[in-house]
Amino acid sequence: MNERNAFRLKAQFCRKDLIGFSHIMLISALALTAGNPAHANGGGKERATPAKTTSYKQVGKASWYGPKFHGKRTASGQVFNQHALTAAHRRLPLGSQAKVTNLVNGRNIVVRITDRGPYKGDRVIDLSRAAARSLAMENSGVAHVRIEAIH
C-alpha cells in the first residue's frame, strides 16, 4: 500500500464517520422535538382537542347480510363475523367507523366498515346481522337509516 492509497482509505473512513454523525444528529433532533408538542401554547397549557366530528352524512335504505357470508373474507381482508358490529359501504374508507341510526325507531349504533357494497338496488349500507339486530331491523330486512362517518 502506498501513500496515495492510504489517503483514499482514510477519506472513506471519514465519510462513513460523517454518515454516522448525521444519523446521530437526526436522532438527537427528533428526540429534542418529541418533548415539545407543537400544539402547546406559550403558557404550557395544551389546547383542547375537538370532539369526534362527522363530515359525511347519508340517508337511505339499509339491508343486512349474515349466514351466507359468515367466515368469508371481506374487502378489508378480515374474516366476516355476522355477530360483530360491522358494515359494508361503497365509499367510506375500510376500517373507518360510522354511526347508523334507524330513522323509524331512533335506535343507533357505531359500526366498523370492513367491506364494500351493497350491490343490490338503491341500498346505501349492508349491516352485519348483529348490527341489524341492534337497530331492530333484523326481521324486516330493510330499514330507512342515516349514516354519519366518525373521524
N, C-alpha and C. Protein backbone atom coordinates (compact mmCIF):
# COMPACT_ATOMS: atom_id res chain seq x y z
N MET A 1 0.85 -1.16 0.00
CA MET A 1 0.00 0.00 0.00
C MET A 1 0.90 1.23 0.00
N ASN A 2 0.63 2.10 -0.93
CA ASN A 2 1.43 3.30 -0.99
C ASN A 2 0.71 4.45 -0.30
N GLU A 3 1.35 5.61 -0.32
CA GLU A 3 0.84 6.78 0.38
C GLU A 3 -0.49 7.26 -0.19
N ARG A 4 -0.64 7.17 -1.50
CA ARG A 4 -1.86 7.63 -2.15
C ARG A 4 -3.05 6.74 -1.75
N ASN A 5 -2.88 5.44 -1.70
CA ASN A 5 -3.94 4.53 -1.29
C ASN A 5 -4.33 4.73 0.18
N ALA A 6 -3.33 5.02 1.01
CA ALA A 6 -3.61 5.25 2.42
C ALA A 6 -4.51 6.47 2.59
N PHE A 7 -4.32 7.51 1.79
CA PHE A 7 -5.16 8.71 1.85
C PHE A 7 -6.60 8.38 1.47
N ARG A 8 -6.77 7.58 0.40
CA ARG A 8 -8.12 7.18 -0.02
C ARG A 8 -8.80 6.37 1.08
N LEU A 9 -8.07 5.50 1.70
CA LEU A 9 -8.62 4.68 2.76
C LEU A 9 -9.08 5.56 3.92
N LYS A 10 -8.27 6.56 4.30
CA LYS A 10 -8.64 7.48 5.36
C LYS A 10 -9.88 8.29 4.97
N ALA A 11 -9.96 8.73 3.71
CA ALA A 11 -11.11 9.52 3.26
C ALA A 11 -12.39 8.71 3.34
N GLN A 12 -12.32 7.44 2.99
CA GLN A 12 -13.51 6.61 3.07
C GLN A 12 -13.97 6.45 4.52
N PHE A 13 -13.04 6.25 5.43
CA PHE A 13 -13.42 6.12 6.82
C PHE A 13 -14.02 7.42 7.35
N CYS A 14 -13.48 8.53 6.92
CA CYS A 14 -14.01 9.82 7.36
C CYS A 14 -15.44 9.99 6.87
N ARG A 15 -15.73 9.62 5.64
CA ARG A 15 -17.10 9.73 5.11
C ARG A 15 -18.06 8.86 5.89
N LYS A 16 -17.65 7.65 6.21
CA LYS A 16 -18.51 6.77 6.99
C LYS A 16 -18.77 7.35 8.36
N ASP A 17 -17.74 7.94 8.97
CA ASP A 17 -17.92 8.56 10.27
C ASP A 17 -18.90 9.72 10.18
N LEU A 18 -18.82 10.49 9.09
CA LEU A 18 -19.75 11.61 8.91
C LEU A 18 -21.17 11.12 8.71
N ILE A 19 -21.35 10.02 7.99
CA ILE A 19 -22.69 9.48 7.81
C ILE A 19 -23.27 9.06 9.16
N GLY A 20 -22.49 8.39 9.96
CA GLY A 20 -22.93 8.01 11.29
C GLY A 20 -23.23 9.23 12.13
N PHE A 21 -22.41 10.26 11.99
CA PHE A 21 -22.61 11.50 12.73
C PHE A 21 -23.93 12.15 12.34
N SER A 22 -24.26 12.16 11.03
CA SER A 22 -25.51 12.78 10.60
C SER A 22 -26.72 12.00 11.12
N HIS A 23 -26.61 10.68 11.20
CA HIS A 23 -27.70 9.88 11.77
C HIS A 23 -27.88 10.21 13.25
N ILE A 24 -26.76 10.37 13.95
CA ILE A 24 -26.83 10.71 15.37
C ILE A 24 -27.47 12.08 15.55
N MET A 25 -27.10 13.02 14.70
CA MET A 25 -27.69 14.36 14.78
C MET A 25 -29.19 14.32 14.51
N LEU A 26 -29.61 13.54 13.53
CA LEU A 26 -31.02 13.43 13.20
C LEU A 26 -31.80 12.83 14.36
N ILE A 27 -31.29 11.77 14.94
CA ILE A 27 -31.95 11.13 16.07
C ILE A 27 -32.01 12.09 17.25
N SER A 28 -30.95 12.82 17.48
CA SER A 28 -30.92 13.79 18.59
C SER A 28 -31.96 14.89 18.36
N ALA A 29 -32.03 15.38 17.15
CA ALA A 29 -33.00 16.43 16.84
C ALA A 29 -34.42 15.93 17.03
N LEU A 30 -34.70 14.71 16.60
CA LEU A 30 -36.03 14.15 16.79
C LEU A 30 -36.35 13.96 18.26
N ALA A 31 -35.38 13.53 19.03
CA ALA A 31 -35.59 13.33 20.46
C ALA A 31 -35.88 14.65 21.15
N LEU A 32 -35.21 15.70 20.74
CA LEU A 32 -35.44 17.02 21.35
C LEU A 32 -36.82 17.56 21.02
N THR A 33 -37.29 17.34 19.79
CA THR A 33 -38.60 17.86 19.41
C THR A 33 -39.73 17.00 19.95
N ALA A 34 -39.48 15.76 20.30
CA ALA A 34 -40.53 14.88 20.81
C ALA A 34 -41.10 15.38 22.13
N GLY A 35 -40.31 16.01 22.92
CA GLY A 35 -40.77 16.51 24.21
C GLY A 35 -41.46 17.85 24.12
N ASN A 36 -41.50 18.45 22.95
CA ASN A 36 -42.08 19.76 22.77
C ASN A 36 -43.26 19.67 21.82
N PRO A 37 -44.49 19.40 22.30
CA PRO A 37 -45.62 19.24 21.41
C PRO A 37 -45.91 20.53 20.66
N ALA A 38 -46.24 20.39 19.41
CA ALA A 38 -46.49 21.55 18.56
C ALA A 38 -47.77 22.27 18.95
N HIS A 39 -48.70 21.58 19.62
CA HIS A 39 -49.97 22.21 19.95
C HIS A 39 -49.96 22.87 21.33
N ALA A 40 -48.82 22.89 22.00
CA ALA A 40 -48.76 23.55 23.30
C ALA A 40 -48.59 25.06 23.08
N ASN A 41 -49.30 25.83 23.89
CA ASN A 41 -49.15 27.28 23.75
C ASN A 41 -48.06 27.78 24.68
N GLY A 42 -47.82 29.08 24.67
CA GLY A 42 -46.71 29.65 25.44
C GLY A 42 -46.84 29.45 26.94
N GLY A 43 -48.08 29.34 27.46
CA GLY A 43 -48.28 29.18 28.89
C GLY A 43 -48.09 27.75 29.38
N GLY A 44 -47.80 26.84 28.47
CA GLY A 44 -47.59 25.46 28.86
C GLY A 44 -48.87 24.65 28.90
N LYS A 45 -50.02 25.28 28.66
CA LYS A 45 -51.28 24.56 28.67
C LYS A 45 -51.57 24.04 27.26
N GLU A 46 -52.14 22.85 27.20
CA GLU A 46 -52.49 22.29 25.90
C GLU A 46 -53.89 22.73 25.52
N ARG A 47 -54.10 22.93 24.23
CA ARG A 47 -55.42 23.27 23.73
C ARG A 47 -56.30 22.03 23.79
N ALA A 48 -57.57 22.21 23.99
CA ALA A 48 -58.50 21.09 23.99
C ALA A 48 -58.59 20.52 22.58
N THR A 49 -58.61 19.20 22.48
CA THR A 49 -58.76 18.58 21.16
C THR A 49 -60.24 18.52 20.83
N PRO A 50 -60.59 18.74 19.57
CA PRO A 50 -62.01 18.73 19.23
C PRO A 50 -62.60 17.33 19.38
N ALA A 51 -63.89 17.29 19.68
CA ALA A 51 -64.57 16.01 19.79
C ALA A 51 -64.65 15.36 18.42
N LYS A 52 -64.99 14.08 18.40
CA LYS A 52 -65.11 13.38 17.13
C LYS A 52 -66.18 14.08 16.29
N THR A 53 -65.84 14.29 15.04
CA THR A 53 -66.76 15.01 14.16
C THR A 53 -67.29 14.10 13.07
N THR A 54 -68.39 14.49 12.53
CA THR A 54 -68.96 13.77 11.40
C THR A 54 -69.02 14.71 10.22
N SER A 55 -68.41 14.32 9.12
CA SER A 55 -68.42 15.18 7.95
C SER A 55 -69.18 14.54 6.80
N TYR A 56 -69.32 13.23 6.82
CA TYR A 56 -70.04 12.52 5.77
C TYR A 56 -71.37 12.07 6.33
N LYS A 57 -72.46 12.47 5.69
CA LYS A 57 -73.80 12.05 6.11
C LYS A 57 -74.54 11.56 4.89
N GLN A 58 -75.35 10.53 5.10
CA GLN A 58 -76.10 9.94 4.01
C GLN A 58 -77.38 9.33 4.60
N VAL A 59 -78.46 9.45 3.86
CA VAL A 59 -79.73 8.85 4.27
C VAL A 59 -80.16 7.91 3.16
N GLY A 60 -80.65 6.73 3.55
CA GLY A 60 -81.11 5.77 2.56
C GLY A 60 -81.51 4.46 3.19
N LYS A 61 -81.65 3.45 2.36
CA LYS A 61 -82.06 2.14 2.83
C LYS A 61 -80.86 1.29 3.24
N ALA A 62 -81.02 0.61 4.36
CA ALA A 62 -80.01 -0.33 4.84
C ALA A 62 -80.56 -1.74 4.76
N SER A 63 -79.70 -2.67 4.45
CA SER A 63 -80.07 -4.08 4.49
C SER A 63 -79.01 -4.78 5.35
N TRP A 64 -79.17 -6.07 5.56
CA TRP A 64 -78.19 -6.79 6.35
C TRP A 64 -77.82 -8.10 5.68
N TYR A 65 -76.62 -8.58 6.02
CA TYR A 65 -76.16 -9.86 5.49
C TYR A 65 -75.52 -10.65 6.61
N GLY A 66 -75.62 -11.97 6.54
CA GLY A 66 -75.16 -12.76 7.66
C GLY A 66 -74.68 -14.15 7.31
N PRO A 67 -75.52 -15.17 7.54
CA PRO A 67 -75.07 -16.57 7.46
C PRO A 67 -74.38 -16.96 6.16
N LYS A 68 -74.85 -16.47 5.05
CA LYS A 68 -74.27 -16.84 3.75
C LYS A 68 -72.81 -16.41 3.62
N PHE A 69 -72.44 -15.30 4.27
CA PHE A 69 -71.09 -14.74 4.13
C PHE A 69 -70.23 -14.95 5.38
N HIS A 70 -70.81 -15.50 6.44
CA HIS A 70 -70.09 -15.69 7.70
C HIS A 70 -68.85 -16.57 7.47
N GLY A 71 -67.68 -16.08 7.90
CA GLY A 71 -66.43 -16.83 7.77
C GLY A 71 -65.67 -16.55 6.48
N LYS A 72 -66.26 -15.78 5.56
CA LYS A 72 -65.57 -15.46 4.31
C LYS A 72 -64.82 -14.15 4.46
N ARG A 73 -63.84 -13.94 3.60
CA ARG A 73 -63.02 -12.72 3.64
C ARG A 73 -63.81 -11.53 3.11
N THR A 74 -63.60 -10.38 3.76
CA THR A 74 -64.21 -9.13 3.31
C THR A 74 -63.20 -8.36 2.46
N ALA A 75 -63.61 -7.22 1.94
CA ALA A 75 -62.72 -6.39 1.12
C ALA A 75 -61.51 -5.91 1.91
N SER A 76 -61.66 -5.78 3.22
CA SER A 76 -60.55 -5.33 4.06
C SER A 76 -59.57 -6.46 4.37
N GLY A 77 -59.93 -7.68 4.02
CA GLY A 77 -59.07 -8.82 4.30
C GLY A 77 -59.43 -9.54 5.58
N GLN A 78 -60.31 -8.94 6.38
CA GLN A 78 -60.75 -9.56 7.62
C GLN A 78 -61.78 -10.64 7.31
N VAL A 79 -61.91 -11.58 8.21
CA VAL A 79 -62.93 -12.61 8.07
C VAL A 79 -64.24 -12.03 8.58
N PHE A 80 -65.31 -12.17 7.79
CA PHE A 80 -66.61 -11.62 8.17
C PHE A 80 -67.21 -12.40 9.33
N ASN A 81 -67.63 -11.67 10.34
CA ASN A 81 -68.28 -12.26 11.50
C ASN A 81 -69.64 -11.60 11.63
N GLN A 82 -70.70 -12.37 11.38
CA GLN A 82 -72.05 -11.81 11.43
C GLN A 82 -72.46 -11.35 12.83
N HIS A 83 -71.70 -11.75 13.84
CA HIS A 83 -72.01 -11.38 15.22
C HIS A 83 -71.26 -10.13 15.68
N ALA A 84 -70.47 -9.54 14.80
CA ALA A 84 -69.74 -8.31 15.12
C ALA A 84 -70.50 -7.11 14.54
N LEU A 85 -70.24 -5.93 15.08
CA LEU A 85 -70.90 -4.71 14.59
C LEU A 85 -70.09 -4.14 13.43
N THR A 86 -70.31 -4.69 12.24
CA THR A 86 -69.59 -4.27 11.05
C THR A 86 -70.58 -3.95 9.94
N ALA A 87 -70.06 -3.37 8.85
CA ALA A 87 -70.92 -3.00 7.73
C ALA A 87 -70.12 -2.93 6.43
N ALA A 88 -70.86 -2.94 5.35
CA ALA A 88 -70.28 -2.75 4.02
C ALA A 88 -70.83 -1.45 3.46
N HIS A 89 -69.94 -0.62 2.91
CA HIS A 89 -70.34 0.66 2.33
C HIS A 89 -69.52 0.89 1.07
N ARG A 90 -70.09 1.58 0.11
CA ARG A 90 -69.39 1.78 -1.16
C ARG A 90 -68.24 2.77 -1.07
N ARG A 91 -68.39 3.85 -0.29
CA ARG A 91 -67.40 4.93 -0.32
C ARG A 91 -66.61 5.14 0.96
N LEU A 92 -67.16 4.85 2.11
CA LEU A 92 -66.45 5.12 3.36
C LEU A 92 -65.18 4.27 3.42
N PRO A 93 -64.09 4.81 3.96
CA PRO A 93 -62.82 4.08 4.00
C PRO A 93 -62.93 2.80 4.82
N LEU A 94 -62.28 1.75 4.34
CA LEU A 94 -62.25 0.50 5.09
C LEU A 94 -61.54 0.74 6.41
N GLY A 95 -62.10 0.21 7.48
CA GLY A 95 -61.54 0.41 8.81
C GLY A 95 -62.10 1.62 9.54
N SER A 96 -62.82 2.48 8.83
CA SER A 96 -63.39 3.65 9.49
C SER A 96 -64.66 3.25 10.24
N GLN A 97 -65.17 4.16 11.04
CA GLN A 97 -66.38 3.90 11.81
C GLN A 97 -67.49 4.82 11.34
N ALA A 98 -68.72 4.33 11.47
CA ALA A 98 -69.89 5.12 11.09
C ALA A 98 -70.99 4.90 12.10
N LYS A 99 -71.70 5.97 12.40
CA LYS A 99 -72.87 5.89 13.27
C LYS A 99 -74.07 5.68 12.36
N VAL A 100 -74.83 4.63 12.61
CA VAL A 100 -76.01 4.32 11.81
C VAL A 100 -77.23 4.44 12.70
N THR A 101 -78.21 5.25 12.26
CA THR A 101 -79.43 5.49 13.03
C THR A 101 -80.62 5.00 12.25
N ASN A 102 -81.45 4.16 12.88
CA ASN A 102 -82.70 3.71 12.29
C ASN A 102 -83.69 4.86 12.44
N LEU A 103 -84.12 5.45 11.34
CA LEU A 103 -84.97 6.64 11.39
C LEU A 103 -86.40 6.33 11.80
N VAL A 104 -86.80 5.07 11.80
CA VAL A 104 -88.15 4.70 12.21
C VAL A 104 -88.26 4.63 13.73
N ASN A 105 -87.28 3.99 14.40
CA ASN A 105 -87.38 3.83 15.85
C ASN A 105 -86.35 4.63 16.65
N GLY A 106 -85.43 5.31 15.98
CA GLY A 106 -84.46 6.16 16.65
C GLY A 106 -83.23 5.44 17.22
N ARG A 107 -83.19 4.12 17.12
CA ARG A 107 -82.02 3.38 17.62
C ARG A 107 -80.79 3.68 16.77
N ASN A 108 -79.62 3.73 17.43
CA ASN A 108 -78.38 3.96 16.67
C ASN A 108 -77.26 3.11 17.23
N ILE A 109 -76.29 2.82 16.37
CA ILE A 109 -75.11 2.04 16.74
C ILE A 109 -73.91 2.58 15.96
N VAL A 110 -72.73 2.20 16.40
CA VAL A 110 -71.50 2.52 15.67
C VAL A 110 -70.96 1.22 15.10
N VAL A 111 -70.71 1.23 13.79
CA VAL A 111 -70.18 0.04 13.11
C VAL A 111 -68.83 0.37 12.48
N ARG A 112 -68.04 -0.66 12.26
CA ARG A 112 -66.76 -0.51 11.55
C ARG A 112 -66.99 -0.98 10.12
N ILE A 113 -66.50 -0.19 9.16
CA ILE A 113 -66.63 -0.52 7.74
C ILE A 113 -65.53 -1.51 7.39
N THR A 114 -65.92 -2.74 7.04
CA THR A 114 -64.95 -3.79 6.72
C THR A 114 -65.11 -4.34 5.32
N ASP A 115 -66.15 -3.90 4.60
CA ASP A 115 -66.44 -4.50 3.30
C ASP A 115 -67.01 -3.45 2.35
N ARG A 116 -67.09 -3.81 1.08
CA ARG A 116 -67.68 -2.96 0.05
C ARG A 116 -69.07 -3.48 -0.29
N GLY A 117 -69.92 -2.59 -0.69
CA GLY A 117 -71.29 -2.94 -1.03
C GLY A 117 -72.19 -1.88 -0.46
N PRO A 118 -73.46 -2.04 -0.50
CA PRO A 118 -74.23 -3.14 -1.08
C PRO A 118 -74.30 -3.02 -2.61
N TYR A 119 -74.56 -4.12 -3.23
CA TYR A 119 -74.62 -4.16 -4.68
C TYR A 119 -76.03 -4.41 -5.20
N LYS A 120 -77.02 -4.28 -4.33
CA LYS A 120 -78.39 -4.56 -4.71
C LYS A 120 -79.24 -3.30 -4.62
N GLY A 121 -79.84 -2.93 -5.72
CA GLY A 121 -80.82 -1.85 -5.73
C GLY A 121 -80.32 -0.52 -5.22
N ASP A 122 -81.20 0.14 -4.49
CA ASP A 122 -80.94 1.50 -4.01
C ASP A 122 -80.46 1.53 -2.56
N ARG A 123 -79.89 0.46 -2.09
CA ARG A 123 -79.44 0.39 -0.70
C ARG A 123 -78.09 1.10 -0.55
N VAL A 124 -77.90 1.73 0.61
CA VAL A 124 -76.68 2.52 0.82
C VAL A 124 -75.68 1.85 1.76
N ILE A 125 -76.14 0.88 2.56
CA ILE A 125 -75.26 0.19 3.50
C ILE A 125 -75.78 -1.21 3.76
N ASP A 126 -74.86 -2.15 3.91
CA ASP A 126 -75.18 -3.51 4.33
C ASP A 126 -74.61 -3.71 5.72
N LEU A 127 -75.47 -4.05 6.66
CA LEU A 127 -75.04 -4.23 8.04
C LEU A 127 -74.88 -5.71 8.36
N SER A 128 -74.05 -6.01 9.33
CA SER A 128 -73.94 -7.38 9.81
C SER A 128 -75.24 -7.74 10.54
N ARG A 129 -75.44 -9.02 10.77
CA ARG A 129 -76.66 -9.47 11.45
C ARG A 129 -76.77 -8.84 12.84
N ALA A 130 -75.66 -8.76 13.57
CA ALA A 130 -75.67 -8.18 14.91
C ALA A 130 -76.04 -6.69 14.86
N ALA A 131 -75.54 -5.98 13.87
CA ALA A 131 -75.88 -4.56 13.74
C ALA A 131 -77.35 -4.39 13.40
N ALA A 132 -77.87 -5.24 12.52
CA ALA A 132 -79.29 -5.18 12.16
C ALA A 132 -80.15 -5.47 13.39
N ARG A 133 -79.73 -6.44 14.18
CA ARG A 133 -80.48 -6.78 15.40
C ARG A 133 -80.47 -5.60 16.37
N SER A 134 -79.34 -4.92 16.51
CA SER A 134 -79.25 -3.77 17.41
C SER A 134 -80.16 -2.63 16.98
N LEU A 135 -80.37 -2.51 15.67
CA LEU A 135 -81.24 -1.46 15.15
C LEU A 135 -82.69 -1.91 15.04
N ALA A 136 -82.98 -3.14 15.46
CA ALA A 136 -84.32 -3.72 15.40
C ALA A 136 -84.85 -3.77 13.97
N MET A 137 -84.00 -4.19 13.05
CA MET A 137 -84.42 -4.30 11.64
C MET A 137 -84.18 -5.69 11.10
N GLU A 138 -83.78 -6.62 11.96
CA GLU A 138 -83.43 -7.97 11.51
C GLU A 138 -84.62 -8.68 10.87
N ASN A 139 -85.81 -8.53 11.41
CA ASN A 139 -86.98 -9.23 10.88
C ASN A 139 -87.47 -8.64 9.56
N SER A 140 -87.44 -7.32 9.45
CA SER A 140 -87.93 -6.69 8.22
C SER A 140 -86.91 -6.79 7.09
N GLY A 141 -85.62 -6.81 7.42
CA GLY A 141 -84.57 -6.96 6.42
C GLY A 141 -84.07 -5.65 5.84
N VAL A 142 -84.91 -4.64 5.82
CA VAL A 142 -84.54 -3.34 5.27
C VAL A 142 -85.05 -2.25 6.20
N ALA A 143 -84.27 -1.18 6.37
CA ALA A 143 -84.70 -0.06 7.20
C ALA A 143 -84.21 1.25 6.58
N HIS A 144 -84.92 2.32 6.89
CA HIS A 144 -84.52 3.66 6.46
C HIS A 144 -83.57 4.19 7.52
N VAL A 145 -82.32 4.52 7.13
CA VAL A 145 -81.28 4.91 8.08
C VAL A 145 -80.56 6.19 7.68
N ARG A 146 -79.89 6.77 8.69
CA ARG A 146 -78.97 7.88 8.46
C ARG A 146 -77.58 7.37 8.82
N ILE A 147 -76.60 7.64 7.97
CA ILE A 147 -75.21 7.21 8.20
C ILE A 147 -74.38 8.47 8.41
N GLU A 148 -73.57 8.47 9.47
CA GLU A 148 -72.66 9.59 9.75
C GLU A 148 -71.27 9.01 9.98
N ALA A 149 -70.32 9.46 9.19
CA ALA A 149 -68.94 9.00 9.37
C ALA A 149 -68.37 9.59 10.66
N ILE A 150 -67.61 8.78 11.37
CA ILE A 150 -66.97 9.24 12.62
C ILE A 150 -65.48 9.30 12.36
N HIS A 151 -64.87 10.47 12.60
CA HIS A 151 -63.43 10.65 12.37
C HIS A 151 -62.71 10.71 13.67
